[in-house]
């Protein structure tokens, strides 16, 4: 249950790091860093939703 929340937090921290430090350094224009940011954002939101669903099942059932 809490593993989903931990994974979500880890992915969000990775997202912030990549967006703040890696994307501005790259100027080759291939879009790989922007794609990585989108993938990290989506996966972080998915794991957060899974965590919320698990918590809802535990506390409201």
PDB file of N, CA and C in Angstrom:
ATOM      1  N   UNK A   1       0.833  -1.191   0.000  1.00  0.00           N
ATOM      2  CA  UNK A   1       0.000   0.000   0.000  1.00  0.00           C
ATOM      3  C   UNK A   1       0.877   1.255   0.000  1.00  0.00           C
ATOM      4  N   UNK A   2       1.773   1.345   0.930  1.00  0.00           N
ATOM      5  CA  UNK A   2       2.604   2.536   1.025  1.00  0.00           C
ATOM      6  C   UNK A   2       3.734   2.535  -0.008  1.00  0.00           C
ATOM      7  N   UNK A   3       3.969   1.377  -0.608  1.00  0.00           N
ATOM      8  CA  UNK A   3       5.008   1.319  -1.634  1.00  0.00           C
ATOM      9  C   UNK A   3       4.629   2.171  -2.834  1.00  0.00           C
ATOM     10  N   UNK A   4       3.335   2.230  -3.154  1.00  0.00           N
ATOM     11  CA  UNK A   4       2.892   3.069  -4.262  1.00  0.00           C
ATOM     12  C   UNK A   4       3.178   4.543  -3.980  1.00  0.00           C
ATOM     13  N   UNK A   5       2.944   4.954  -2.745  1.00  0.00           N
ATOM     14  CA  UNK A   5       3.215   6.338  -2.367  1.00  0.00           C
ATOM     15  C   UNK A   5       4.709   6.626  -2.416  1.00  0.00           C
ATOM     16  N   UNK A   6       5.518   5.697  -1.959  1.00  0.00           N
ATOM     17  CA  UNK A   6       6.971   5.879  -2.003  1.00  0.00           C
ATOM     18  C   UNK A   6       7.480   5.970  -3.439  1.00  0.00           C
ATOM     19  N   UNK A   7       6.961   5.113  -4.306  1.00  0.00           N
ATOM     20  CA  UNK A   7       7.359   5.159  -5.715  1.00  0.00           C
ATOM     21  C   UNK A   7       6.921   6.467  -6.353  1.00  0.00           C
ATOM     22  N   UNK A   8       5.725   6.922  -6.011  1.00  0.00           N
ATOM     23  CA  UNK A   8       5.226   8.183  -6.549  1.00  0.00           C
ATOM     24  C   UNK A   8       6.105   9.357  -6.129  1.00  0.00           C
ATOM     25  N   UNK A   9       6.493   9.377  -4.870  1.00  0.00           N
ATOM     26  CA  UNK A   9       7.362  10.453  -4.378  1.00  0.00           C
ATOM     27  C   UNK A   9       8.720  10.394  -5.068  1.00  0.00           C
ATOM     28  N   UNK A  10       9.283   9.191  -5.200  1.00  0.00           N
ATOM     29  CA  UNK A  10      10.564   9.044  -5.881  1.00  0.00           C
ATOM     30  C   UNK A  10      10.492   9.538  -7.328  1.00  0.00           C
ATOM     31  N   UNK A  11       9.431   9.155  -8.032  1.00  0.00           N
ATOM     32  CA  UNK A  11       9.284   9.590  -9.418  1.00  0.00           C
ATOM     33  C   UNK A  11       9.094  11.098  -9.518  1.00  0.00           C
ATOM     34  N   UNK A  12       8.372  11.681  -8.569  1.00  0.00           N
ATOM     35  CA  UNK A  12       8.176  13.130  -8.589  1.00  0.00           C
ATOM     36  C   UNK A  12       9.489  13.858  -8.324  1.00  0.00           C
ATOM     37  N   UNK A  13      10.286  13.365  -7.393  1.00  0.00           N
ATOM     38  CA  UNK A  13      11.596  13.971  -7.131  1.00  0.00           C
ATOM     39  C   UNK A  13      12.492  13.834  -8.359  1.00  0.00           C
ATOM     40  N   UNK A  14      12.438  12.685  -9.019  1.00  0.00           N
ATOM     41  CA  UNK A  14      13.204  12.508 -10.261  1.00  0.00           C
ATOM     42  C   UNK A  14      12.738  13.481 -11.330  1.00  0.00           C
ATOM     43  N   UNK A  15      11.437  13.681 -11.404  1.00  0.00           N
ATOM     44  CA  UNK A  15      10.871  14.626 -12.366  1.00  0.00           C
ATOM     45  C   UNK A  15      11.388  16.035 -12.114  1.00  0.00           C
ATOM     46  N   UNK A  16      11.384  16.458 -10.866  1.00  0.00           N
ATOM     47  CA  UNK A  16      11.866  17.802 -10.533  1.00  0.00           C
ATOM     48  C   UNK A  16      13.344  17.933 -10.867  1.00  0.00           C
ATOM     49  N   UNK A  17      14.144  16.920 -10.551  1.00  0.00           N
ATOM     50  CA  UNK A  17      15.571  16.971 -10.857  1.00  0.00           C
ATOM     51  C   UNK A  17      15.817  17.074 -12.358  1.00  0.00           C
ATOM     52  N   UNK A  18      15.139  16.226 -13.120  1.00  0.00           N
ATOM     53  CA  UNK A  18      15.336  16.231 -14.573  1.00  0.00           C
ATOM     54  C   UNK A  18      14.885  17.566 -15.162  1.00  0.00           C
ATOM     55  N   UNK A  19      13.735  18.046 -14.726  1.00  0.00           N
ATOM     56  CA  UNK A  19      13.220  19.299 -15.274  1.00  0.00           C
ATOM     57  C   UNK A  19      14.097  20.490 -14.905  1.00  0.00           C
ATOM     58  N   UNK A  20      14.656  20.472 -13.704  1.00  0.00           N
ATOM     59  CA  UNK A  20      15.437  21.625 -13.259  1.00  0.00           C
ATOM     60  C   UNK A  20      16.883  21.605 -13.754  1.00  0.00           C
ATOM     61  N   UNK A  21      17.513  20.420 -13.757  1.00  0.00           N
ATOM     62  CA  UNK A  21      18.946  20.370 -14.026  1.00  0.00           C
ATOM     63  C   UNK A  21      19.323  19.782 -15.381  1.00  0.00           C
ATOM     64  N   UNK A  22      18.568  18.828 -15.875  1.00  0.00           N
ATOM     65  CA  UNK A  22      18.975  18.156 -17.101  1.00  0.00           C
ATOM     66  C   UNK A  22      18.413  18.807 -18.361  1.00  0.00           C
ATOM     67  N   UNK A  23      17.160  19.208 -18.337  1.00  0.00           N
ATOM     68  CA  UNK A  23      16.547  19.778 -19.535  1.00  0.00           C
ATOM     69  C   UNK A  23      17.229  21.074 -19.969  1.00  0.00           C
ATOM     70  N   UNK A  24      17.529  22.007 -19.055  1.00  0.00           N
ATOM     71  CA  UNK A  24      18.199  23.237 -19.518  1.00  0.00           C
ATOM     72  C   UNK A  24      19.595  23.007 -20.100  1.00  0.00           C
ATOM     73  N   UNK A  25      20.289  21.930 -19.713  1.00  0.00           N
ATOM     74  CA  UNK A  25      21.633  21.660 -20.224  1.00  0.00           C
ATOM     75  C   UNK A  25      21.612  21.177 -21.670  1.00  0.00           C
ATOM     76  N   UNK A  26      20.534  20.540 -22.074  1.00  0.00           N
ATOM     77  CA  UNK A  26      20.464  19.924 -23.397  1.00  0.00           C
ATOM     78  C   UNK A  26      19.960  20.924 -24.423  1.00  0.00           C
ATOM     79  N   UNK A  27      20.687  21.027 -25.508  1.00  0.00           N
ATOM     80  CA  UNK A  27      20.266  21.936 -26.565  1.00  0.00           C
ATOM     81  C   UNK A  27      20.258  21.254 -27.935  1.00  0.00           C
ATOM     82  N   UNK A  28      20.274  19.924 -27.953  1.00  0.00           N
ATOM     83  CA  UNK A  28      20.327  19.238 -29.233  1.00  0.00           C
ATOM     84  C   UNK A  28      18.979  19.203 -29.943  1.00  0.00           C
ATOM     85  N   UNK A  29      17.905  19.461 -29.219  1.00  0.00           N
ATOM     86  CA  UNK A  29      16.603  19.607 -29.856  1.00  0.00           C
ATOM     87  C   UNK A  29      15.911  18.321 -30.263  1.00  0.00           C
ATOM     88  N   UNK A  30      16.358  17.179 -29.723  1.00  0.00           N
ATOM     89  CA  UNK A  30      15.708  15.934 -30.122  1.00  0.00           C
ATOM     90  C   UNK A  30      14.446  15.638 -29.327  1.00  0.00           C
ATOM     91  N   UNK A  31      14.232  16.347 -28.234  1.00  0.00           N
ATOM     92  CA  UNK A  31      13.010  16.196 -27.455  1.00  0.00           C
ATOM     93  C   UNK A  31      13.019  15.037 -26.479  1.00  0.00           C
ATOM     94  N   UNK A  32      14.147  14.378 -26.298  1.00  0.00           N
ATOM     95  CA  UNK A  32      14.196  13.222 -25.402  1.00  0.00           C
ATOM     96  C   UNK A  32      13.976  13.620 -23.951  1.00  0.00           C
ATOM     97  N   UNK A  33      14.522  14.750 -23.546  1.00  0.00           N
ATOM     98  CA  UNK A  33      14.372  15.187 -22.162  1.00  0.00           C
ATOM     99  C   UNK A  33      12.934  15.577 -21.860  1.00  0.00           C
ATOM    100  N   UNK A  34      12.283  16.224 -22.817  1.00  0.00           N
ATOM    101  CA  UNK A  34      10.884  16.586 -22.612  1.00  0.00           C
ATOM    102  C   UNK A  34      10.018  15.330 -22.531  1.00  0.00           C
ATOM    103  N   UNK A  35      10.340  14.333 -23.336  1.00  0.00           N
ATOM    104  CA  UNK A  35       9.620  13.067 -23.278  1.00  0.00           C
ATOM    105  C   UNK A  35       9.823  12.391 -21.926  1.00  0.00           C
ATOM    106  N   UNK A  36      11.048  12.443 -21.415  1.00  0.00           N
ATOM    107  CA  UNK A  36      11.337  11.864 -20.107  1.00  0.00           C
ATOM    108  C   UNK A  36      10.542  12.577 -19.016  1.00  0.00           C
ATOM    109  N   UNK A  37      10.435  13.878 -19.087  1.00  0.00           N
ATOM    110  CA  UNK A  37       9.649  14.636 -18.114  1.00  0.00           C
ATOM    111  C   UNK A  37       8.184  14.202 -18.173  1.00  0.00           C
ATOM    112  N   UNK A  38       7.652  14.028 -19.361  1.00  0.00           N
ATOM    113  CA  UNK A  38       6.256  13.612 -19.501  1.00  0.00           C
ATOM    114  C   UNK A  38       6.059  12.200 -18.948  1.00  0.00           C
ATOM    115  N   UNK A  39       6.971  11.298 -19.244  1.00  0.00           N
ATOM    116  CA  UNK A  39       6.872   9.929 -18.742  1.00  0.00           C
ATOM    117  C   UNK A  39       6.950   9.910 -17.215  1.00  0.00           C
ATOM    118  N   UNK A  40       7.865  10.674 -16.647  1.00  0.00           N
ATOM    119  CA  UNK A  40       7.974  10.723 -15.189  1.00  0.00           C
ATOM    120  C   UNK A  40       6.725  11.317 -14.557  1.00  0.00           C
ATOM    121  N   UNK A  41       6.164  12.347 -15.166  1.00  0.00           N
ATOM    122  CA  UNK A  41       4.958  12.962 -14.633  1.00  0.00           C
ATOM    123  C   UNK A  41       3.776  11.995 -14.665  1.00  0.00           C
ATOM    124  N   UNK A  42       3.586  11.343 -15.785  1.00  0.00           N
ATOM    125  CA  UNK A  42       2.461  10.412 -15.918  1.00  0.00           C
ATOM    126  C   UNK A  42       2.621   9.231 -14.961  1.00  0.00           C
ATOM    127  N   UNK A  43       3.811   8.668 -14.900  1.00  0.00           N
ATOM    128  CA  UNK A  43       3.999   7.518 -14.013  1.00  0.00           C
ATOM    129  C   UNK A  43       3.862   7.916 -12.545  1.00  0.00           C
ATOM    130  N   UNK A  44       4.320   9.101 -12.189  1.00  0.00           N
ATOM    131  CA  UNK A  44       4.136   9.581 -10.825  1.00  0.00           C
ATOM    132  C   UNK A  44       2.666   9.742 -10.492  1.00  0.00           C
ATOM    133  N   UNK A  45       1.891  10.280 -11.414  1.00  0.00           N
ATOM    134  CA  UNK A  45       0.454  10.441 -11.182  1.00  0.00           C
ATOM    135  C   UNK A  45      -0.255   9.095 -11.107  1.00  0.00           C
ATOM    136  N   UNK A  46       0.167   8.133 -11.904  1.00  0.00           N
ATOM    137  CA  UNK A  46      -0.439   6.798 -11.865  1.00  0.00           C
ATOM    138  C   UNK A  46      -0.188   6.139 -10.516  1.00  0.00           C
ATOM    139  N   UNK A  47       1.046   6.190 -10.046  1.00  0.00           N
ATOM    140  CA  UNK A  47       1.336   5.576  -8.755  1.00  0.00           C
ATOM    141  C   UNK A  47       0.655   6.329  -7.615  1.00  0.00           C
ATOM    142  N   UNK A  48       0.519   7.636  -7.718  1.00  0.00           N
ATOM    143  CA  UNK A  48      -0.216   8.392  -6.703  1.00  0.00           C
ATOM    144  C   UNK A  48      -1.684   7.991  -6.698  1.00  0.00           C
ATOM    145  N   UNK A  49      -2.274   7.818  -7.865  1.00  0.00           N
ATOM    146  CA  UNK A  49      -3.669   7.379  -7.938  1.00  0.00           C
ATOM    147  C   UNK A  49      -3.830   5.975  -7.361  1.00  0.00           C
ATOM    148  N   UNK A  50      -2.884   5.095  -7.636  1.00  0.00           N
ATOM    149  CA  UNK A  50      -2.941   3.752  -7.071  1.00  0.00           C
ATOM    150  C   UNK A  50      -2.834   3.797  -5.549  1.00  0.00           C
ATOM    151  N   UNK A  51      -1.981   4.667  -5.043  1.00  0.00           N
ATOM    152  CA  UNK A  51      -1.834   4.815  -3.598  1.00  0.00           C
ATOM    153  C   UNK A  51      -3.116   5.334  -2.968  1.00  0.00           C
ATOM    154  N   UNK A  52      -3.744   6.315  -3.591  1.00  0.00           N
ATOM    155  CA  UNK A  52      -4.996   6.866  -3.074  1.00  0.00           C
ATOM    156  C   UNK A  52      -6.092   5.806  -3.105  1.00  0.00           C
ATOM    157  N   UNK A  53      -6.141   5.018  -4.163  1.00  0.00           N
ATOM    158  CA  UNK A  53      -7.143   3.951  -4.255  1.00  0.00           C
ATOM    159  C   UNK A  53      -6.939   2.906  -3.164  1.00  0.00           C
ATOM    160  N   UNK A  54      -5.694   2.542  -2.909  1.00  0.00           N
ATOM    161  CA  UNK A  54      -5.416   1.573  -1.855  1.00  0.00           C
ATOM    162  C   UNK A  54      -5.792   2.133  -0.490  1.00  0.00           C
ATOM    163  N   UNK A  55      -5.457   3.376  -0.223  1.00  0.00           N
ATOM    164  CA  UNK A  55      -5.809   3.988   1.059  1.00  0.00           C
ATOM    165  C   UNK A  55      -7.319   4.088   1.222  1.00  0.00           C
ATOM    166  N   UNK A  56      -8.000   4.411   0.149  1.00  0.00           N
ATOM    167  CA  UNK A  56      -9.459   4.503   0.207  1.00  0.00           C
ATOM    168  C   UNK A  56     -10.070   3.141   0.510  1.00  0.00           C
ATOM    169  N   UNK A  57      -9.525   2.101  -0.089  1.00  0.00           N
ATOM    170  CA  UNK A  57     -10.030   0.753   0.175  1.00  0.00           C
ATOM    171  C   UNK A  57      -9.793   0.343   1.628  1.00  0.00           C
ATOM    172  N   UNK A  58      -8.659   0.725   2.179  1.00  0.00           N
ATOM    173  CA  UNK A  58      -8.331   0.326   3.547  1.00  0.00           C
ATOM    174  C   UNK A  58      -9.191   1.078   4.563  1.00  0.00           C
ATOM    175  N   UNK A  59      -9.330   2.384   4.384  1.00  0.00           N
ATOM    176  CA  UNK A  59      -9.988   3.186   5.404  1.00  0.00           C
ATOM    177  C   UNK A  59     -11.488   3.339   5.221  1.00  0.00           C
ATOM    178  N   UNK A  60     -12.021   3.113   4.043  1.00  0.00           N
ATOM    179  CA  UNK A  60     -13.444   3.335   3.805  1.00  0.00           C
ATOM    180  C   UNK A  60     -14.196   2.082   3.394  1.00  0.00           C
ATOM    181  N   UNK A  61     -13.652   0.915   3.713  1.00  0.00           N
ATOM    182  CA  UNK A  61     -14.387  -0.296   3.374  1.00  0.00           C
ATOM    183  C   UNK A  61     -14.679  -1.123   4.610  1.00  0.00           C
TER     184      UNK A  61
END
